[in-house]
Amino acid sequence: MGDGIMMGSQQIKRQPAWFMLASEFGESTLNEKGTGEFDPTFVITKLGAKVNRLIVSGLVERLELRETSNGSQMYNGQIRDPSGLHYFSVGEYATESMREFVIQLMEKIDSGEPVLLTMTAKARWYQTDEGAVYTSLRPEEACIIDRERYASWLVDASAATLNRLSQHKLTLNCEPTAEGMKEAGVAEDMIPGLLASQGHYGQIDTETYRLNVMQALDIAEGKLEAATAPPPTLNLAEADEVAAKADDDLRPVVLECIQAMDNGEGVDFESLVRNLAARGFPRDKSESELDAMSDEGILHEPRFGWFKIVS
């Protein structure tokens, strides 16, 4: 019968989950939705994967509780794998078991315990008023894993990425049609996504994906150390020096912290307010100052919840 449920007279088929590294999913800017009320939504990657659900793993780098504009509560977090970051959110729409899990997970994160996580999640995307497109995940299932299981996931995700790279390579010298791709040996289930990908992204550089796979496999084989600790924070000596320079003025401390902690992607909200709290600045004051500095154009958010200094 297949894996699906009945909704009225229409059967909804459960979509397969893709093993995928963060770089491929995070760079996607194309989505597709059918015309039917219950048709699934897909995020289409540069390598032609039509993603409705995916399996990801990595180190939980951030997890925080925020209140939305309508007053509901939302947990926002991020998971790092060797290629980059996945962003996820758990709200009131989630199952009771998932909400309970994320509460327990937050307790571990708040205690400073490093956590490796794997999750099966629905692919989501949103577009800003400026036209920028960002991807995110809505977890369906998740569990804490050890390094051995993480290594196994890295192997699976790498193999899946290499397969998509191989399928993409077959399309480079064939007619950009379904028939042309079929004659070139492209798998039939990859043809729709690759056609859409070519039309939207054009020619792409796949070298970064190959490097990501090499790094992931090196970690799986123990040749490289995996990220298994929270992101770095300023040490106490640095904190005292910054606080002394600031003369209890929060704004200079914010700028000093971001300059010290920014490795190119900005500094995430939770790490920033925790470092400010270690210097004696209350969380609510730090939040207000970050909002004010953003409004004044001193800071900007390259991604939601991440801050960079406007150069």
Protein backbone atom coordinates (compact mmCIF):
# COMPACT_ATOMS: atom_id res chain seq x y z
CA MET A 1 0.00 0.00 0.00
CA GLY A 2 2.92 2.36 0.58
CA ASP A 3 3.68 4.65 3.48
CA GLY A 4 0.88 7.18 3.62
CA ILE A 5 -2.35 8.35 5.24
CA MET A 6 -5.77 9.14 3.82
CA MET A 7 -7.01 12.75 3.85
CA GLY A 8 -10.49 12.88 2.36
CA SER A 9 -10.23 11.05 -0.94
CA GLN A 10 -6.52 11.83 -1.39
CA GLN A 11 -3.62 9.75 -0.12
CA ILE A 12 -0.66 11.66 1.30
CA LYS A 13 2.61 9.83 0.77
CA ARG A 14 5.36 10.21 3.35
CA GLN A 15 8.42 11.62 1.59
CA PRO A 16 11.83 9.93 1.94
CA ALA A 17 14.47 11.54 4.15
CA TRP A 18 17.79 12.59 2.61
CA PHE A 19 21.16 12.29 4.35
CA MET A 20 22.60 15.77 3.84
CA LEU A 21 25.43 17.97 5.05
CA ALA A 22 24.63 21.50 6.15
CA SER A 23 26.43 23.25 3.30
CA GLU A 24 24.27 21.73 0.56
CA PHE A 25 20.99 22.39 2.34
CA GLY A 26 21.95 25.83 3.63
CA GLU A 27 22.91 27.16 0.18
CA SER A 28 19.54 26.26 -1.33
CA THR A 29 17.35 29.14 -2.52
CA LEU A 30 14.77 27.26 -4.62
CA ASN A 31 11.54 25.74 -3.38
CA GLU A 32 8.65 23.95 -5.04
CA LYS A 33 5.08 23.24 -3.97
CA GLY A 34 2.34 21.46 -5.85
CA THR A 35 -1.02 23.00 -6.58
CA GLY A 36 -2.98 20.60 -4.38
CA GLU A 37 -3.90 21.47 -0.81
CA PHE A 38 -1.95 18.55 0.61
CA ASP A 39 0.93 18.51 -1.89
CA PRO A 40 4.34 18.50 -0.17
CA THR A 41 6.77 21.42 -0.28
CA PHE A 42 10.34 20.80 -1.43
CA VAL A 43 13.61 22.66 -1.03
CA ILE A 44 15.70 21.98 -4.14
CA THR A 45 19.47 21.97 -3.66
CA LYS A 46 22.17 22.90 -6.15
CA LEU A 47 22.91 19.18 -6.62
CA GLY A 48 19.30 18.48 -7.59
CA ALA A 49 17.93 16.93 -4.39
CA LYS A 50 14.22 17.67 -3.90
CA VAL A 51 14.14 17.73 -0.12
CA ASN A 52 10.99 17.46 1.95
CA ARG A 53 12.58 15.61 4.87
CA LEU A 54 16.21 15.08 5.82
CA ILE A 55 18.43 13.40 8.40
CA VAL A 56 21.09 15.61 9.99
CA SER A 57 23.60 15.24 12.81
CA GLY A 58 26.15 17.34 14.62
CA LEU A 59 27.07 19.32 17.70
CA VAL A 60 24.33 21.47 19.20
CA GLU A 61 25.91 24.92 19.32
CA ARG A 62 22.92 26.96 20.44
CA LEU A 63 19.44 26.43 21.83
CA GLU A 64 17.28 29.21 23.22
CA LEU A 65 13.67 29.90 24.09
CA ARG A 66 12.05 32.95 22.54
CA GLU A 67 8.56 34.39 22.52
CA THR A 68 7.02 35.00 19.12
CA SER A 69 5.00 38.06 18.12
CA ASN A 70 1.73 36.24 18.85
CA GLY A 71 2.84 35.31 22.36
CA SER A 72 3.66 31.64 21.73
CA GLN A 73 6.97 30.05 22.68
CA MET A 74 9.58 28.88 20.20
CA TYR A 75 12.86 27.05 20.73
CA ASN A 76 15.50 28.05 18.17
CA GLY A 77 18.74 26.12 17.79
CA GLN A 78 21.59 25.22 15.51
CA ILE A 79 23.60 22.08 14.81
CA ARG A 80 27.13 22.13 13.39
CA ASP A 81 28.52 19.42 11.12
CA PRO A 82 31.88 19.58 9.27
CA SER A 83 30.39 21.70 6.47
CA GLY A 84 28.44 24.32 8.41
CA LEU A 85 25.28 24.93 10.39
CA HIS A 86 21.72 23.64 10.29
CA TYR A 87 19.08 25.86 11.93
CA PHE A 88 16.03 24.33 13.58
CA SER A 89 12.99 25.42 15.57
CA VAL A 90 10.51 23.64 17.82
CA GLY A 91 7.24 25.41 18.58
CA GLU A 92 3.81 24.66 19.95
CA TYR A 93 2.96 22.76 16.75
CA ALA A 94 5.51 20.07 17.64
CA THR A 95 4.54 16.78 19.24
CA GLU A 96 4.48 16.56 23.01
CA SER A 97 7.41 14.13 22.96
CA MET A 98 9.50 16.54 20.86
CA ARG A 99 8.71 19.47 23.16
CA GLU A 100 9.67 17.40 26.20
CA PHE A 101 12.89 16.32 24.48
CA VAL A 102 13.93 19.87 23.63
CA ILE A 103 13.30 21.02 27.22
CA GLN A 104 15.61 18.27 28.49
CA LEU A 105 18.11 19.14 25.77
CA MET A 106 18.13 22.78 26.83
CA GLU A 107 18.96 21.77 30.40
CA LYS A 108 22.03 19.92 29.11
CA ILE A 109 23.08 22.85 26.92
CA ASP A 110 22.61 25.36 29.75
CA SER A 111 24.82 23.22 31.99
CA GLY A 112 27.61 23.48 29.42
CA GLU A 113 27.47 19.81 28.45
CA PRO A 114 28.45 19.24 24.78
CA VAL A 115 25.74 17.34 22.93
CA LEU A 116 25.91 15.43 19.64
CA LEU A 117 22.45 15.15 18.14
CA THR A 118 20.81 13.43 15.20
CA MET A 119 17.38 14.35 13.90
CA THR A 120 14.90 13.63 11.17
CA ALA A 121 13.28 16.90 10.19
CA LYS A 122 11.01 18.61 7.69
CA ALA A 123 12.73 21.06 5.34
CA ARG A 124 11.60 24.67 5.71
CA TRP A 125 12.59 27.93 4.07
CA TYR A 126 11.66 31.59 4.35
CA GLN A 127 12.33 34.74 2.35
CA THR A 128 13.06 38.15 3.85
CA ASP A 129 11.56 41.40 2.62
CA GLU A 130 14.91 42.07 0.94
CA GLY A 131 14.64 38.82 -1.02
CA ALA A 132 17.22 36.74 0.87
CA VAL A 133 16.27 33.07 1.27
CA TYR A 134 17.16 31.00 4.34
CA THR A 135 16.57 27.33 5.09
CA SER A 136 15.64 25.77 8.42
CA LEU A 137 14.45 22.50 9.93
CA ARG A 138 11.33 21.45 11.82
CA PRO A 139 12.35 18.35 13.82
CA GLU A 140 10.12 15.28 13.72
CA GLU A 141 12.36 12.97 15.74
CA ALA A 142 15.67 13.54 17.52
CA CYS A 143 18.03 11.76 19.88
CA ILE A 144 21.41 12.28 21.52
CA ILE A 145 24.16 10.13 19.99
CA ASP A 146 27.76 9.14 20.70
CA ARG A 147 30.81 9.67 18.49
CA GLU A 148 30.49 6.23 16.91
CA ARG A 149 26.96 6.91 15.67
CA TYR A 150 28.02 10.37 14.55
CA ALA A 151 30.83 8.80 12.51
CA SER A 152 28.31 6.43 10.93
CA TRP A 153 26.10 9.38 9.97
CA LEU A 154 29.09 11.19 8.47
CA VAL A 155 29.78 8.17 6.25
CA ASP A 156 26.13 7.96 5.15
CA ALA A 157 25.89 11.71 4.46
CA SER A 158 29.18 11.67 2.54
CA ALA A 159 28.10 8.71 0.40
CA ALA A 160 24.79 10.41 -0.38
CA THR A 161 26.55 13.65 -1.32
CA LEU A 162 29.03 11.83 -3.57
CA ASN A 163 26.14 10.10 -5.32
CA ARG A 164 24.45 13.45 -6.00
CA LEU A 165 27.75 14.89 -7.22
CA SER A 166 28.04 11.95 -9.62
CA GLN A 167 24.48 12.45 -10.87
CA HIS A 168 25.11 16.17 -11.35
CA LYS A 169 28.29 15.48 -13.32
CA LEU A 170 26.33 13.32 -15.77
CA THR A 171 24.19 16.35 -16.68
CA LEU A 172 27.10 18.58 -17.68
CA ASN A 173 27.43 17.22 -21.22
CA CYS A 174 23.85 16.32 -22.10
CA GLU A 175 20.78 18.13 -23.32
CA PRO A 176 19.01 19.96 -20.47
CA THR A 177 15.87 17.89 -20.91
CA ALA A 178 14.40 14.90 -19.14
CA GLU A 179 15.09 12.71 -22.16
CA GLY A 180 18.65 14.00 -22.49
CA MET A 181 19.40 13.30 -18.84
CA LYS A 182 17.86 9.86 -19.05
CA GLU A 183 20.05 9.01 -22.04
CA ALA A 184 23.10 10.26 -20.10
CA GLY A 185 22.39 7.74 -17.35
CA VAL A 186 20.92 10.06 -14.72
CA ALA A 187 18.69 8.23 -12.23
CA GLU A 188 15.03 8.87 -12.99
CA ASP A 189 14.23 10.03 -9.46
CA MET A 190 16.95 12.72 -9.72
CA ILE A 191 15.92 14.14 -13.10
CA PRO A 192 13.11 16.50 -11.93
CA GLY A 193 15.30 18.06 -9.25
CA LEU A 194 18.31 18.41 -11.54
CA LEU A 195 16.21 20.07 -14.24
CA ALA A 196 14.83 22.55 -11.71
CA SER A 197 18.29 23.11 -10.24
CA GLN A 198 19.88 23.87 -13.60
CA GLY A 199 17.13 26.31 -14.46
CA HIS A 200 17.49 28.18 -11.17
CA TYR A 201 21.18 27.99 -10.21
CA GLY A 202 22.83 27.61 -13.63
CA GLN A 203 26.44 26.44 -13.54
CA ILE A 204 27.69 25.71 -10.03
CA ASP A 205 31.06 25.08 -8.39
CA THR A 206 30.99 21.66 -6.74
CA GLU A 207 34.51 21.74 -5.31
CA THR A 208 33.33 22.96 -1.89
CA TYR A 209 31.00 19.97 -1.57
CA ARG A 210 33.85 17.59 -2.40
CA LEU A 211 36.06 19.22 0.22
CA ASN A 212 33.22 18.96 2.76
CA VAL A 213 32.96 15.23 2.05
CA MET A 214 36.71 14.73 2.44
CA GLN A 215 36.67 16.51 5.78
CA ALA A 216 33.62 14.56 6.97
CA LEU A 217 35.25 11.25 6.07
CA ASP A 218 38.50 12.27 7.77
CA ILE A 219 36.52 12.95 10.96
CA ALA A 220 34.65 9.65 10.63
CA GLU A 221 37.97 7.81 10.29
CA GLY A 222 39.52 9.66 13.23
CA LYS A 223 42.03 11.60 11.12
CA LEU A 224 40.51 14.93 12.20
CA GLU A 225 38.93 15.92 15.48
CA ALA A 226 35.17 16.47 15.32
CA ALA A 227 33.54 19.48 16.91
CA THR A 228 32.41 18.05 20.25
CA ALA A 229 32.64 21.12 22.45
CA PRO A 230 30.64 24.35 22.62
CA PRO A 231 31.96 27.38 20.70
CA PRO A 232 34.78 29.31 22.39
CA THR A 233 34.09 32.13 24.82
CA LEU A 234 36.37 34.85 26.11
CA ASN A 235 38.44 33.83 29.11
CA LEU A 236 38.17 35.63 32.45
CA ALA A 237 41.31 37.68 31.88
CA GLU A 238 39.91 38.97 28.60
CA ALA A 239 36.58 39.60 30.28
CA ASP A 240 38.14 41.67 33.06
CA GLU A 241 40.18 43.65 30.55
CA VAL A 242 37.14 44.38 28.41
CA ALA A 243 35.02 45.38 31.40
CA ALA A 244 37.76 47.66 32.73
CA LYS A 245 38.09 49.41 29.39
CA ALA A 246 34.35 49.89 29.19
CA ASP A 247 33.91 51.60 32.57
CA ASP A 248 30.61 49.78 32.97
CA ASP A 249 29.37 51.14 29.64
CA LEU A 250 27.67 48.24 27.86
CA ARG A 251 28.02 49.33 24.24
CA PRO A 252 31.83 49.27 24.06
CA VAL A 253 31.78 45.86 25.76
CA VAL A 254 29.36 44.52 23.13
CA LEU A 255 31.67 45.71 20.35
CA GLU A 256 34.75 44.26 22.06
CA CYS A 257 33.04 40.89 22.54
CA ILE A 258 31.90 40.65 18.94
CA GLN A 259 35.34 41.62 17.64
CA ALA A 260 36.97 38.97 19.84
CA MET A 261 34.48 36.15 19.11
CA ASP A 262 33.60 36.71 15.44
CA ASN A 263 35.27 34.07 13.25
CA GLY A 264 33.64 35.37 10.09
CA GLU A 265 30.02 34.27 10.54
CA GLY A 266 29.18 36.72 13.32
CA VAL A 267 28.41 35.87 16.96
CA ASP A 268 25.23 34.08 17.98
CA PHE A 269 22.84 35.77 20.39
CA GLU A 270 23.12 33.23 23.21
CA SER A 271 26.93 33.17 23.30
CA LEU A 272 26.99 36.96 23.27
CA VAL A 273 24.54 37.54 26.13
CA ARG A 274 26.20 34.82 28.21
CA ASN A 275 29.57 36.52 27.83
CA LEU A 276 28.02 39.85 28.73
CA ALA A 277 26.35 38.27 31.76
CA ALA A 278 29.76 37.00 32.89
CA ARG A 279 30.83 40.65 33.01
CA GLY A 280 27.89 41.62 35.19
CA PHE A 281 25.48 42.92 32.55
CA PRO A 282 21.89 41.62 33.00
CA ARG A 283 20.40 39.66 30.11
CA ASP A 284 17.50 42.09 29.59
CA LYS A 285 19.88 45.04 29.39
CA SER A 286 22.06 43.20 26.88
CA GLU A 287 19.04 42.30 24.74
CA SER A 288 17.85 45.92 24.73
CA GLU A 289 21.30 47.18 23.78
CA LEU A 290 21.61 44.69 20.92
CA ASP A 291 18.21 45.79 19.60
CA ALA A 292 19.22 49.45 19.86
CA MET A 293 22.56 48.92 18.12
CA SER A 294 20.81 47.01 15.33
CA ASP A 295 18.24 49.80 14.92
CA GLU A 296 21.05 52.37 14.74
CA GLY A 297 22.90 50.40 12.07
CA ILE A 298 25.92 49.63 14.27
CA LEU A 299 25.18 45.90 14.11
CA HIS A 300 23.43 43.73 11.55
CA GLU A 301 22.18 40.13 11.52
CA PRO A 302 23.58 38.11 8.58
CA ARG A 303 21.32 35.31 9.87
CA PHE A 304 18.57 35.40 12.42
CA GLY A 305 20.08 35.62 15.91
CA TRP A 306 23.67 36.27 14.72
CA PHE A 307 25.35 39.67 15.07
CA LYS A 308 28.16 41.31 13.13
CA ILE A 309 29.60 44.81 13.34
CA VAL A 310 28.71 46.97 10.34
CA SER A 311 32.01 47.90 8.74
